[in-house]
Amino acid sequence: MKRLLLLILFVIPFCGITQTNHPVKTSKSEPKVKQFWFVLLTKGKNRNQDSATVLSINNGHRDNITRLYKEGIIKVAGPFAEEDNWMGIFILDCPTKQEAEKYLQTDPAVISGRLAYEIRPWYTTPVGSFNSVKHKKQ
């Protein structure tokens, strides 16, 4: 809970959101604030796989992240350093929560039950890492 509070305190000053949580355009030269999807990855209910299966699931999980990044869907992905129920986050760029869930259902760690998730709408200005660019395959 402490980490969530710190995350909120860090992110809110940079969001450019009004008190009503509606995106606003602050000036003609600045892009409009855009909605993304914040995904909190947590430990799933099925975490009793053997080590070879876990390795395969984790490799598939990373491959899926790479694919979605190259498609411009995942803007941020990464694990937490501490071992507890919170495993990592994604920031997804797609229009609806249903579409975000569809992308999450392509992740072997979610499909296998090793990871569960919570999804929340999240806003920021779509610049830098959050622009609409798709990444080229390397």
Protein backbone atom coordinates (compact mmCIF):
# COMPACT_ATOMS: atom_id res chain seq x y z
CA MET A 1 0.00 0.00 0.00
CA LYS A 2 2.93 2.33 0.75
CA ARG A 3 4.27 1.81 -2.76
CA LEU A 4 0.89 2.60 -4.32
CA LEU A 5 0.68 5.83 -2.33
CA LEU A 6 4.22 6.79 -3.37
CA LEU A 7 3.43 5.95 -6.99
CA ILE A 8 0.30 8.10 -6.87
CA LEU A 9 2.15 10.98 -5.22
CA PHE A 10 4.88 10.78 -7.85
CA VAL A 11 2.64 10.38 -10.92
CA ILE A 12 -0.20 12.84 -10.20
CA PRO A 13 1.91 16.02 -10.42
CA PHE A 14 3.01 15.00 -13.93
CA CYS A 15 -0.37 13.95 -15.31
CA GLY A 16 -1.92 17.30 -16.21
CA ILE A 17 -5.39 16.11 -15.16
CA THR A 18 -8.08 18.33 -13.74
CA GLN A 19 -9.77 17.52 -10.45
CA THR A 20 -12.57 15.83 -12.39
CA ASN A 21 -10.03 13.44 -13.99
CA HIS A 22 -10.91 14.56 -17.51
CA PRO A 23 -8.07 15.10 -19.97
CA VAL A 24 -7.35 18.75 -20.69
CA LYS A 25 -5.36 20.59 -23.32
CA THR A 26 -3.18 23.13 -21.56
CA SER A 27 -2.01 25.10 -24.60
CA LYS A 28 -2.00 24.95 -28.38
CA SER A 29 1.62 23.78 -28.45
CA GLU A 30 1.18 20.94 -25.92
CA PRO A 31 -0.46 17.66 -26.89
CA LYS A 32 -3.70 16.68 -25.22
CA VAL A 33 -3.54 14.33 -22.25
CA LYS A 34 -4.36 10.76 -23.30
CA GLN A 35 -5.75 7.75 -21.48
CA PHE A 36 -3.60 4.64 -21.21
CA TRP A 37 -4.15 1.48 -19.13
CA PHE A 38 -2.11 0.87 -15.97
CA VAL A 39 -1.80 -2.86 -15.31
CA LEU A 40 -0.63 -4.08 -11.92
CA LEU A 41 0.67 -7.64 -12.28
CA THR A 42 0.26 -9.70 -9.12
CA LYS A 43 1.00 -13.28 -8.14
CA GLY A 44 -1.53 -15.61 -9.72
CA LYS A 45 -3.26 -18.55 -8.06
CA ASN A 46 -1.32 -21.18 -10.04
CA ARG A 47 2.35 -20.91 -9.07
CA ASN A 48 3.23 -24.56 -8.50
CA GLN A 49 4.78 -25.37 -11.90
CA ASP A 50 8.10 -27.23 -12.13
CA SER A 51 11.23 -25.19 -12.93
CA ALA A 52 11.31 -26.14 -16.64
CA THR A 53 7.69 -25.02 -17.05
CA VAL A 54 8.37 -21.78 -15.16
CA LEU A 55 11.33 -21.07 -17.46
CA SER A 56 9.14 -21.66 -20.53
CA ILE A 57 6.35 -19.44 -19.16
CA ASN A 58 8.81 -16.66 -18.30
CA ASN A 59 10.43 -16.82 -21.74
CA GLY A 60 6.99 -16.62 -23.36
CA HIS A 61 6.07 -13.73 -21.06
CA ARG A 62 9.17 -11.76 -22.15
CA ASP A 63 8.60 -12.61 -25.83
CA ASN A 64 5.00 -11.39 -25.54
CA ILE A 65 6.16 -8.13 -23.94
CA THR A 66 8.65 -7.63 -26.79
CA ARG A 67 5.97 -8.30 -29.42
CA LEU A 68 3.49 -5.88 -27.83
CA TYR A 69 6.23 -3.25 -27.46
CA LYS A 70 7.11 -3.52 -31.15
CA GLU A 71 3.41 -3.17 -32.00
CA GLY A 72 3.25 0.03 -29.92
CA ILE A 73 0.86 -1.47 -27.34
CA ILE A 74 3.16 -1.71 -24.31
CA LYS A 75 4.74 1.61 -23.37
CA VAL A 76 6.23 0.54 -20.03
CA ALA A 77 6.87 -2.92 -18.58
CA GLY A 78 8.93 -4.10 -15.68
CA PRO A 79 9.10 -6.08 -12.46
CA PHE A 80 9.25 -4.78 -8.90
CA ALA A 81 12.51 -5.36 -7.03
CA GLU A 82 10.88 -6.62 -3.83
CA GLU A 83 9.40 -10.10 -3.52
CA ASP A 84 5.76 -9.88 -2.48
CA ASN A 85 2.34 -10.07 -4.15
CA TRP A 86 3.09 -7.20 -6.56
CA MET A 87 5.13 -8.62 -9.44
CA GLY A 88 5.32 -5.82 -12.04
CA ILE A 89 3.52 -3.27 -14.18
CA PHE A 90 2.53 -2.58 -17.77
CA ILE A 91 1.29 0.66 -19.27
CA LEU A 92 -0.80 -0.27 -22.34
CA ASP A 93 -1.81 2.01 -25.20
CA CYS A 94 -5.17 0.84 -26.50
CA PRO A 95 -8.66 2.37 -26.63
CA THR A 96 -10.64 0.17 -24.22
CA LYS A 97 -10.26 -1.90 -21.08
CA GLN A 98 -11.62 -4.89 -23.01
CA GLU A 99 -8.84 -4.53 -25.58
CA ALA A 100 -6.25 -4.26 -22.77
CA GLU A 101 -7.62 -7.50 -21.31
CA LYS A 102 -7.41 -9.13 -24.75
CA TYR A 103 -3.69 -8.27 -24.91
CA LEU A 104 -3.14 -9.57 -21.38
CA GLN A 105 -4.74 -12.87 -22.41
CA THR A 106 -1.90 -13.34 -24.94
CA ASP A 107 0.63 -13.50 -22.09
CA PRO A 108 1.68 -17.07 -21.14
CA ALA A 109 2.18 -16.00 -17.50
CA VAL A 110 -1.43 -14.79 -17.33
CA ILE A 111 -2.81 -17.75 -19.29
CA SER A 112 -1.01 -20.21 -16.99
CA GLY A 113 -2.21 -18.46 -13.84
CA ARG A 114 1.30 -17.53 -12.64
CA LEU A 115 0.30 -13.87 -12.93
CA ALA A 116 -2.98 -12.13 -12.26
CA TYR A 117 -3.69 -8.45 -12.93
CA GLU A 118 -5.66 -5.34 -12.10
CA ILE A 119 -6.35 -2.71 -14.77
CA ARG A 120 -6.98 0.99 -14.19
CA PRO A 121 -7.28 3.93 -16.58
CA TRP A 122 -4.20 6.15 -16.39
CA TYR A 123 -3.52 9.51 -18.04
CA THR A 124 -0.43 11.29 -19.31
CA THR A 125 0.70 13.47 -22.19
CA PRO A 126 1.63 11.17 -25.10
CA VAL A 127 5.23 12.29 -25.55
CA GLY A 128 8.52 10.45 -25.18
CA SER A 129 7.87 6.83 -24.23
CA PHE A 130 4.14 7.43 -24.52
CA ASN A 131 4.01 8.59 -28.13
CA SER A 132 2.07 6.62 -30.74
CA VAL A 133 5.11 5.24 -32.57
CA LYS A 134 5.33 1.54 -33.34
CA HIS A 135 8.83 0.14 -32.95
CA LYS A 136 10.67 -1.56 -35.81
CA LYS A 137 11.69 -5.18 -35.49
CA GLN A 138 15.42 -5.49 -34.98
